[in-house]
Amino acid sequence: MNESPDTAMNQSYRCRDCGSEVGFRSRRRTLTERFILPLLLLQPVRCGECFRRDYRLIFTPVRDRLSDAPRMMPGKQPAPTSNRNVA
C-alpha cells in the first residue's frame, strides 16, 4: 500500500459494474441517505453508462446531476415570435 491518505480520498470515479469513469450525483431518497450518509462522508452516485447506483466518498469527483427536461407550465402559452398576422 503505497497510497497516501490524500490519494485515497481523491480517487477518480470508476463504476464497479461496467468500469465507466462517468458518474453523476444522485438524489438522496430516504431519511438514511439524507442524514446518515453525510455523517459517514458518503453520497449517492449513479453511473453514466450502466445507471448503477452506488455510494461513494464525498471527495470522489463526479459530475452534477443532469437537470430534468424543462416542463411546460399549465395554462401558459409560448410567447408569439412576431406581431404580424400571416394568412
PDB file of N, CA and C in Angstrom:
ATOM      1  N   MET A   1       0.829  -1.173   0.000  1.00  0.00           N
ATOM      2  CA  MET A   1       0.000   0.000   0.000  1.00  0.00           C
ATOM      3  C   MET A   1       0.872   1.234   0.000  1.00  0.00           C
ATOM      4  N   ASN A   2       1.122   1.780  -1.168  1.00  0.00           N
ATOM      5  CA  ASN A   2       1.934   2.972  -1.312  1.00  0.00           C
ATOM      6  C   ASN A   2       1.102   4.225  -1.429  1.00  0.00           C
ATOM      7  N   GLU A   3      -0.190   4.125  -1.200  1.00  0.00           N
ATOM      8  CA  GLU A   3      -1.068   5.276  -1.339  1.00  0.00           C
ATOM      9  C   GLU A   3      -1.022   6.141  -0.089  1.00  0.00           C
ATOM     10  N   SER A   4      -0.930   7.448  -0.294  1.00  0.00           N
ATOM     11  CA  SER A   4      -1.019   8.360   0.841  1.00  0.00           C
ATOM     12  C   SER A   4      -2.497   8.578   1.163  1.00  0.00           C
ATOM     13  N   PRO A   5      -2.810   9.072   2.349  1.00  0.00           N
ATOM     14  CA  PRO A   5      -4.216   9.318   2.692  1.00  0.00           C
ATOM     15  C   PRO A   5      -4.889  10.296   1.741  1.00  0.00           C
ATOM     16  N   ASP A   6      -4.138  11.302   1.235  1.00  0.00           N
ATOM     17  CA  ASP A   6      -4.721  12.265   0.301  1.00  0.00           C
ATOM     18  C   ASP A   6      -5.100  11.595  -1.015  1.00  0.00           C
ATOM     19  N   THR A   7      -4.283  10.678  -1.497  1.00  0.00           N
ATOM     20  CA  THR A   7      -4.571   9.984  -2.751  1.00  0.00           C
ATOM     21  C   THR A   7      -5.794   9.099  -2.609  1.00  0.00           C
ATOM     22  N   ALA A   8      -5.953   8.442  -1.486  1.00  0.00           N
ATOM     23  CA  ALA A   8      -7.086   7.544  -1.271  1.00  0.00           C
ATOM     24  C   ALA A   8      -8.403   8.325  -1.252  1.00  0.00           C
ATOM     25  N   MET A   9      -8.365   9.578  -0.767  1.00  0.00           N
ATOM     26  CA  MET A   9      -9.595  10.355  -0.669  1.00  0.00           C
ATOM     27  C   MET A   9      -9.952  11.044  -1.980  1.00  0.00           C
ATOM     28  N   ASN A  10      -9.022  11.188  -2.902  1.00  0.00           N
ATOM     29  CA  ASN A  10      -9.282  11.890  -4.154  1.00  0.00           C
ATOM     30  C   ASN A  10      -9.254  10.959  -5.362  1.00  0.00           C
ATOM     31  N   GLN A  11      -9.611   9.711  -5.193  1.00  0.00           N
ATOM     32  CA  GLN A  11      -9.630   8.785  -6.311  1.00  0.00           C
ATOM     33  C   GLN A  11     -10.730   9.174  -7.277  1.00  0.00           C
ATOM     34  N   SER A  12     -10.469   9.005  -8.569  1.00  0.00           N
ATOM     35  CA  SER A  12     -11.496   9.321  -9.553  1.00  0.00           C
ATOM     36  C   SER A  12     -12.567   8.232  -9.550  1.00  0.00           C
ATOM     37  N   TYR A  13     -13.736   8.590 -10.043  1.00  0.00           N
ATOM     38  CA  TYR A  13     -14.862   7.656 -10.053  1.00  0.00           C
ATOM     39  C   TYR A  13     -14.628   6.565 -11.089  1.00  0.00           C
ATOM     40  N   ARG A  14     -14.936   5.334 -10.741  1.00  0.00           N
ATOM     41  CA  ARG A  14     -14.937   4.205 -11.670  1.00  0.00           C
ATOM     42  C   ARG A  14     -16.038   3.256 -11.233  1.00  0.00           C
ATOM     43  N   CYS A  15     -16.970   2.972 -12.155  1.00  0.00           N
ATOM     44  CA  CYS A  15     -18.095   2.083 -11.850  1.00  0.00           C
ATOM     45  C   CYS A  15     -17.577   0.682 -11.548  1.00  0.00           C
ATOM     46  N   ARG A  16     -18.100   0.085 -10.498  1.00  0.00           N
ATOM     47  CA  ARG A  16     -17.682  -1.265 -10.123  1.00  0.00           C
ATOM     48  C   ARG A  16     -18.313  -2.324 -11.007  1.00  0.00           C
ATOM     49  N   ASP A  17     -19.368  -1.944 -11.739  1.00  0.00           N
ATOM     50  CA  ASP A  17     -20.076  -2.902 -12.580  1.00  0.00           C
ATOM     51  C   ASP A  17     -19.521  -2.919 -14.005  1.00  0.00           C
ATOM     52  N   CYS A  18     -19.466  -1.737 -14.650  1.00  0.00           N
ATOM     53  CA  CYS A  18     -19.062  -1.690 -16.061  1.00  0.00           C
ATOM     54  C   CYS A  18     -17.691  -1.057 -16.276  1.00  0.00           C
ATOM     55  N   GLY A  19     -17.121  -0.403 -15.257  1.00  0.00           N
ATOM     56  CA  GLY A  19     -15.796   0.187 -15.383  1.00  0.00           C
ATOM     57  C   GLY A  19     -15.789   1.593 -15.961  1.00  0.00           C
ATOM     58  N   SER A  20     -16.946   2.184 -16.181  1.00  0.00           N
ATOM     59  CA  SER A  20     -17.031   3.534 -16.733  1.00  0.00           C
ATOM     60  C   SER A  20     -16.450   4.557 -15.761  1.00  0.00           C
ATOM     61  N   GLU A  21     -15.918   5.639 -16.303  1.00  0.00           N
ATOM     62  CA  GLU A  21     -15.374   6.705 -15.463  1.00  0.00           C
ATOM     63  C   GLU A  21     -16.307   7.903 -15.388  1.00  0.00           C
ATOM     64  N   VAL A  22     -17.545   7.757 -15.884  1.00  0.00           N
ATOM     65  CA  VAL A  22     -18.524   8.846 -15.870  1.00  0.00           C
ATOM     66  C   VAL A  22     -19.548   8.565 -14.778  1.00  0.00           C
ATOM     67  N   GLY A  23     -19.568   9.428 -13.760  1.00  0.00           N
ATOM     68  CA  GLY A  23     -20.514   9.275 -12.674  1.00  0.00           C
ATOM     69  C   GLY A  23     -21.213  10.588 -12.384  1.00  0.00           C
ATOM     70  N   PHE A  24     -22.456  10.510 -11.953  1.00  0.00           N
ATOM     71  CA  PHE A  24     -23.256  11.684 -11.633  1.00  0.00           C
ATOM     72  C   PHE A  24     -23.773  11.585 -10.208  1.00  0.00           C
ATOM     73  N   ARG A  25     -23.890  12.742  -9.545  1.00  0.00           N
ATOM     74  CA  ARG A  25     -24.528  12.747  -8.233  1.00  0.00           C
ATOM     75  C   ARG A  25     -25.964  12.299  -8.399  1.00  0.00           C
ATOM     76  N   SER A  26     -26.453  11.529  -7.449  1.00  0.00           N
ATOM     77  CA  SER A  26     -27.826  11.044  -7.480  1.00  0.00           C
ATOM     78  C   SER A  26     -28.604  11.692  -6.341  1.00  0.00           C
ATOM     79  N   ARG A  27     -29.910  11.757  -6.500  1.00  0.00           N
ATOM     80  CA  ARG A  27     -30.748  12.334  -5.437  1.00  0.00           C
ATOM     81  C   ARG A  27     -30.727  11.463  -4.203  1.00  0.00           C
ATOM     82  N   ARG A  28     -30.776  12.104  -3.064  1.00  0.00           N
ATOM     83  CA  ARG A  28     -30.903  11.372  -1.804  1.00  0.00           C
ATOM     84  C   ARG A  28     -32.368  11.065  -1.604  1.00  0.00           C
ATOM     85  N   ARG A  29     -32.697   9.779  -1.499  1.00  0.00           N
ATOM     86  CA  ARG A  29     -34.097   9.350  -1.483  1.00  0.00           C
ATOM     87  C   ARG A  29     -34.682   9.201  -0.091  1.00  0.00           C
ATOM     88  N   THR A  30     -33.986   8.515   0.776  1.00  0.00           N
ATOM     89  CA  THR A  30     -34.555   8.150   2.074  1.00  0.00           C
ATOM     90  C   THR A  30     -33.966   9.020   3.191  1.00  0.00           C
ATOM     91  N   LEU A  31     -34.560   8.907   4.361  1.00  0.00           N
ATOM     92  CA  LEU A  31     -34.027   9.624   5.517  1.00  0.00           C
ATOM     93  C   LEU A  31     -32.601   9.172   5.832  1.00  0.00           C
ATOM     94  N   THR A  32     -32.343   7.893   5.656  1.00  0.00           N
ATOM     95  CA  THR A  32     -30.998   7.378   5.888  1.00  0.00           C
ATOM     96  C   THR A  32     -30.002   8.058   4.950  1.00  0.00           C
ATOM     97  N   GLU A  33     -30.366   8.178   3.676  1.00  0.00           N
ATOM     98  CA  GLU A  33     -29.467   8.816   2.715  1.00  0.00           C
ATOM     99  C   GLU A  33     -29.310  10.305   2.992  1.00  0.00           C
ATOM    100  N   ARG A  34     -30.348  10.927   3.524  1.00  0.00           N
ATOM    101  CA  ARG A  34     -30.281  12.365   3.797  1.00  0.00           C
ATOM    102  C   ARG A  34     -29.486  12.704   5.055  1.00  0.00           C
ATOM    103  N   PHE A  35     -29.572  11.859   6.087  1.00  0.00           N
ATOM    104  CA  PHE A  35     -28.989  12.218   7.378  1.00  0.00           C
ATOM    105  C   PHE A  35     -27.832  11.335   7.833  1.00  0.00           C
ATOM    106  N   ILE A  36     -27.847  10.059   7.493  1.00  0.00           N
ATOM    107  CA  ILE A  36     -26.797   9.147   7.958  1.00  0.00           C
ATOM    108  C   ILE A  36     -25.592   9.147   7.021  1.00  0.00           C
ATOM    109  N   LEU A  37     -25.837   9.116   5.713  1.00  0.00           N
ATOM    110  CA  LEU A  37     -24.722   9.082   4.763  1.00  0.00           C
ATOM    111  C   LEU A  37     -23.773  10.273   4.914  1.00  0.00           C
ATOM    112  N   PRO A  38     -24.284  11.507   5.072  1.00  0.00           N
ATOM    113  CA  PRO A  38     -23.336  12.625   5.253  1.00  0.00           C
ATOM    114  C   PRO A  38     -22.455  12.468   6.489  1.00  0.00           C
ATOM    115  N   LEU A  39     -22.973  11.847   7.532  1.00  0.00           N
ATOM    116  CA  LEU A  39     -22.157  11.609   8.721  1.00  0.00           C
ATOM    117  C   LEU A  39     -21.016  10.641   8.418  1.00  0.00           C
ATOM    118  N   LEU A  40     -21.255   9.735   7.477  1.00  0.00           N
ATOM    119  CA  LEU A  40     -20.238   8.758   7.078  1.00  0.00           C
ATOM    120  C   LEU A  40     -19.405   9.259   5.895  1.00  0.00           C
ATOM    121  N   LEU A  41     -19.631  10.534   5.495  1.00  0.00           N
ATOM    122  CA  LEU A  41     -18.941  11.155   4.361  1.00  0.00           C
ATOM    123  C   LEU A  41     -19.198  10.425   3.051  1.00  0.00           C
ATOM    124  N   LEU A  42     -20.434   9.936   2.879  1.00  0.00           N
ATOM    125  CA  LEU A  42     -20.815   9.241   1.647  1.00  0.00           C
ATOM    126  C   LEU A  42     -21.910  10.005   0.920  1.00  0.00           C
ATOM    127  N   GLN A  43     -21.966   9.823  -0.404  1.00  0.00           N
ATOM    128  CA  GLN A  43     -23.026  10.413  -1.221  1.00  0.00           C
ATOM    129  C   GLN A  43     -23.481   9.388  -2.254  1.00  0.00           C
ATOM    130  N   PRO A  44     -24.767   9.422  -2.652  1.00  0.00           N
ATOM    131  CA  PRO A  44     -25.234   8.529  -3.706  1.00  0.00           C
ATOM    132  C   PRO A  44     -24.730   9.009  -5.063  1.00  0.00           C
ATOM    133  N   VAL A  45     -24.235   8.053  -5.867  1.00  0.00           N
ATOM    134  CA  VAL A  45     -23.673   8.345  -7.192  1.00  0.00           C
ATOM    135  C   VAL A  45     -24.254   7.340  -8.172  1.00  0.00           C
ATOM    136  N   ARG A  46     -24.559   7.808  -9.392  1.00  0.00           N
ATOM    137  CA  ARG A  46     -25.096   6.928 -10.431  1.00  0.00           C
ATOM    138  C   ARG A  46     -24.135   6.901 -11.605  1.00  0.00           C
ATOM    139  N   CYS A  47     -23.878   5.701 -12.140  1.00  0.00           N
ATOM    140  CA  CYS A  47     -23.007   5.532 -13.308  1.00  0.00           C
ATOM    141  C   CYS A  47     -23.685   6.130 -14.537  1.00  0.00           C
ATOM    142  N   GLY A  48     -22.931   6.818 -15.367  1.00  0.00           N
ATOM    143  CA  GLY A  48     -23.470   7.425 -16.567  1.00  0.00           C
ATOM    144  C   GLY A  48     -23.673   6.434 -17.697  1.00  0.00           C
ATOM    145  N   GLU A  49     -23.070   5.261 -17.624  1.00  0.00           N
ATOM    146  CA  GLU A  49     -23.177   4.261 -18.686  1.00  0.00           C
ATOM    147  C   GLU A  49     -24.223   3.188 -18.374  1.00  0.00           C
ATOM    148  N   CYS A  50     -24.089   2.525 -17.229  1.00  0.00           N
ATOM    149  CA  CYS A  50     -24.997   1.407 -16.910  1.00  0.00           C
ATOM    150  C   CYS A  50     -26.072   1.799 -15.897  1.00  0.00           C
ATOM    151  N   PHE A  51     -26.016   3.035 -15.365  1.00  0.00           N
ATOM    152  CA  PHE A  51     -27.011   3.589 -14.432  1.00  0.00           C
ATOM    153  C   PHE A  51     -27.060   2.869 -13.090  1.00  0.00           C
ATOM    154  N   ARG A  52     -26.002   2.157 -12.735  1.00  0.00           N
ATOM    155  CA  ARG A  52     -25.945   1.527 -11.411  1.00  0.00           C
ATOM    156  C   ARG A  52     -25.798   2.616 -10.354  1.00  0.00           C
ATOM    157  N   ARG A  53     -26.524   2.477  -9.280  1.00  0.00           N
ATOM    158  CA  ARG A  53     -26.491   3.453  -8.188  1.00  0.00           C
ATOM    159  C   ARG A  53     -25.636   2.898  -7.072  1.00  0.00           C
ATOM    160  N   ASP A  54     -24.762   3.745  -6.531  1.00  0.00           N
ATOM    161  CA  ASP A  54     -23.808   3.292  -5.531  1.00  0.00           C
ATOM    162  C   ASP A  54     -23.510   4.436  -4.570  1.00  0.00           C
ATOM    163  N   TYR A  55     -22.809   4.159  -3.487  1.00  0.00           N
ATOM    164  CA  TYR A  55     -22.413   5.192  -2.536  1.00  0.00           C
ATOM    165  C   TYR A  55     -20.905   5.350  -2.593  1.00  0.00           C
ATOM    166  N   ARG A  56     -20.450   6.610  -2.672  1.00  0.00           N
ATOM    167  CA  ARG A  56     -19.022   6.907  -2.725  1.00  0.00           C
ATOM    168  C   ARG A  56     -18.688   8.014  -1.746  1.00  0.00           C
ATOM    169  N   LEU A  57     -17.408   8.156  -1.426  1.00  0.00           N
ATOM    170  CA  LEU A  57     -16.967   9.237  -0.558  1.00  0.00           C
ATOM    171  C   LEU A  57     -17.303  10.579  -1.200  1.00  0.00           C
ATOM    172  N   ILE A  58     -17.621  11.551  -0.375  1.00  0.00           N
ATOM    173  CA  ILE A  58     -17.975  12.861  -0.911  1.00  0.00           C
ATOM    174  C   ILE A  58     -16.788  13.526  -1.596  1.00  0.00           C
ATOM    175  N   PHE A  59     -15.582  13.024  -1.394  1.00  0.00           N
ATOM    176  CA  PHE A  59     -14.393  13.587  -2.016  1.00  0.00           C
ATOM    177  C   PHE A  59     -14.164  13.045  -3.422  1.00  0.00           C
ATOM    178  N   THR A  60     -14.909  12.012  -3.821  1.00  0.00           N
ATOM    179  CA  THR A  60     -14.772  11.443  -5.158  1.00  0.00           C
ATOM    180  C   THR A  60     -15.352  12.417  -6.175  1.00  0.00           C
ATOM    181  N   PRO A  61     -14.557  12.871  -7.144  1.00  0.00           N
ATOM    182  CA  PRO A  61     -15.081  13.836  -8.118  1.00  0.00           C
ATOM    183  C   PRO A  61     -16.068  13.179  -9.087  1.00  0.00           C
ATOM    184  N   VAL A  62     -17.298  13.676  -9.086  1.00  0.00           N
ATOM    185  CA  VAL A  62     -18.327  13.227 -10.027  1.00  0.00           C
ATOM    186  C   VAL A  62     -19.030  14.470 -10.578  1.00  0.00           C
ATOM    187  N   ARG A  63     -19.759  14.296 -11.661  1.00  0.00           N
ATOM    188  CA  ARG A  63     -20.483  15.409 -12.278  1.00  0.00           C
ATOM    189  C   ARG A  63     -21.770  15.692 -11.519  1.00  0.00           C
ATOM    190  N   ASP A  64     -22.260  16.932 -11.670  1.00  0.00           N
ATOM    191  CA  ASP A  64     -23.553  17.282 -11.086  1.00  0.00           C
ATOM    192  C   ASP A  64     -24.653  16.541 -11.819  1.00  0.00           C
ATOM    193  N   ARG A  65     -25.804  16.419 -11.173  1.00  0.00           N
ATOM    194  CA  ARG A  65     -26.953  15.749 -11.777  1.00  0.00           C
ATOM    195  C   ARG A  65     -27.327  16.426 -13.070  1.00  0.00           C
ATOM    196  N   LEU A  66     -27.803  15.645 -14.017  1.00  0.00           N
ATOM    197  CA  LEU A  66     -28.364  16.213 -15.231  1.00  0.00           C
ATOM    198  C   LEU A  66     -29.706  16.814 -14.865  1.00  0.00           C
ATOM    199  N   SER A  67     -29.956  18.032 -15.292  1.00  0.00           N
ATOM    200  CA  SER A  67     -31.230  18.665 -14.943  1.00  0.00           C
ATOM    201  C   SER A  67     -32.361  17.996 -15.709  1.00  0.00           C
ATOM    202  N   ASP A  68     -33.513  18.018 -15.108  1.00  0.00           N
ATOM    203  CA  ASP A  68     -34.688  17.447 -15.756  1.00  0.00           C
ATOM    204  C   ASP A  68     -35.042  18.286 -16.972  1.00  0.00           C
ATOM    205  N   ALA A  69     -35.744  17.690 -17.911  1.00  0.00           N
ATOM    206  CA  ALA A  69     -36.183  18.426 -19.099  1.00  0.00           C
ATOM    207  C   ALA A  69     -37.096  19.564 -18.658  1.00  0.00           C
ATOM    208  N   PRO A  70     -36.998  20.716 -19.306  1.00  0.00           N
ATOM    209  CA  PRO A  70     -37.866  21.829 -18.902  1.00  0.00           C
ATOM    210  C   PRO A  70     -39.334  21.454 -19.047  1.00  0.00           C
ATOM    211  N   ARG A  71     -40.106  21.808 -18.057  1.00  0.00           N
ATOM    212  CA  ARG A  71     -41.522  21.433 -18.046  1.00  0.00           C
ATOM    213  C   ARG A  71     -42.359  22.638 -18.430  1.00  0.00           C
ATOM    214  N   MET A  72     -43.437  22.384 -19.159  1.00  0.00           N
ATOM    215  CA  MET A  72     -44.366  23.447 -19.545  1.00  0.00           C
ATOM    216  C   MET A  72     -45.266  23.753 -18.352  1.00  0.00           C
ATOM    217  N   MET A  73     -45.502  25.013 -18.105  1.00  0.00           N
ATOM    218  CA  MET A  73     -46.414  25.425 -17.051  1.00  0.00           C
ATOM    219  C   MET A  73     -47.838  25.325 -17.583  1.00  0.00           C
ATOM    220  N   PRO A  74     -48.760  24.685 -16.858  1.00  0.00           N
ATOM    221  CA  PRO A  74     -50.132  24.575 -17.344  1.00  0.00           C
ATOM    222  C   PRO A  74     -50.768  25.965 -17.450  1.00  0.00           C
ATOM    223  N   GLY A  75     -51.466  26.189 -18.562  1.00  0.00           N
ATOM    224  CA  GLY A  75     -52.155  27.448 -18.769  1.00  0.00           C
ATOM    225  C   GLY A  75     -51.277  28.548 -19.320  1.00  0.00           C
ATOM    226  N   LYS A  76     -50.000  28.294 -19.476  1.00  0.00           N
ATOM    227  CA  LYS A  76     -49.093  29.288 -20.017  1.00  0.00           C
ATOM    228  C   LYS A  76     -48.831  28.977 -21.475  1.00  0.00           C
ATOM    229  N   GLN A  77     -49.046  29.927 -22.333  1.00  0.00           N
ATOM    230  CA  GLN A  77     -48.820  29.749 -23.759  1.00  0.00           C
ATOM    231  C   GLN A  77     -47.441  30.294 -24.111  1.00  0.00           C
ATOM    232  N   PRO A  78     -46.771  29.689 -25.113  1.00  0.00           N
ATOM    233  CA  PRO A  78     -45.481  30.225 -25.521  1.00  0.00           C
ATOM    234  C   PRO A  78     -45.649  31.622 -26.116  1.00  0.00           C
ATOM    235  N   ALA A  79     -44.661  32.475 -25.931  1.00  0.00           N
ATOM    236  CA  ALA A  79     -44.720  33.844 -26.426  1.00  0.00           C
ATOM    237  C   ALA A  79     -44.717  33.851 -27.948  1.00  0.00           C
ATOM    238  N   PRO A  80     -45.528  34.713 -28.583  1.00  0.00           N
ATOM    239  CA  PRO A  80     -45.534  34.790 -30.040  1.00  0.00           C
ATOM    240  C   PRO A  80     -44.197  35.321 -30.526  1.00  0.00           C
ATOM    241  N   THR A  81     -43.766  34.825 -31.715  1.00  0.00           N
ATOM    242  CA  THR A  81     -42.479  35.229 -32.248  1.00  0.00           C
ATOM    243  C   THR A  81     -42.568  36.577 -32.969  1.00  0.00           C
ATOM    244  N   SER A  82     -43.743  36.924 -33.482  1.00  0.00           N
ATOM    245  CA  SER A  82     -43.898  38.228 -34.124  1.00  0.00           C
ATOM    246  C   SER A  82     -45.359  38.684 -33.953  1.00  0.00           C
ATOM    247  N   ASN A  83     -45.599  39.960 -34.194  1.00  0.00           N
ATOM    248  CA  ASN A  83     -46.934  40.514 -34.056  1.00  0.00           C
ATOM    249  C   ASN A  83     -47.698  40.526 -35.378  1.00  0.00           C
ATOM    250  N   ARG A  84     -47.107  40.043 -36.433  1.00  0.00           N
ATOM    251  CA  ARG A  84     -47.766  40.034 -37.745  1.00  0.00           C
ATOM    252  C   ARG A  84     -48.741  38.875 -37.849  1.00  0.00           C
ATOM    253  N   ASN A  85     -49.888  39.135 -38.477  1.00  0.00           N
ATOM    254  CA  ASN A  85     -50.818  38.056 -38.787  1.00  0.00           C
ATOM    255  C   ASN A  85     -50.501  37.539 -40.175  1.00  0.00           C
ATOM    256  N   VAL A  86     -50.298  36.255 -40.287  1.00  0.00           N
ATOM    257  CA  VAL A  86     -49.967  35.648 -41.568  1.00  0.00           C
ATOM    258  C   VAL A  86     -51.089  34.710 -41.949  1.00  0.00           C
ATOM    259  N   ALA A  87     -51.562  34.856 -43.205  1.00  0.00           N
ATOM    260  CA  ALA A  87     -52.690  34.051 -43.655  1.00  0.00           C
ATOM    261  C   ALA A  87     -52.284  32.665 -44.060  1.00  0.00           C
TER     262      ALA A  87
END
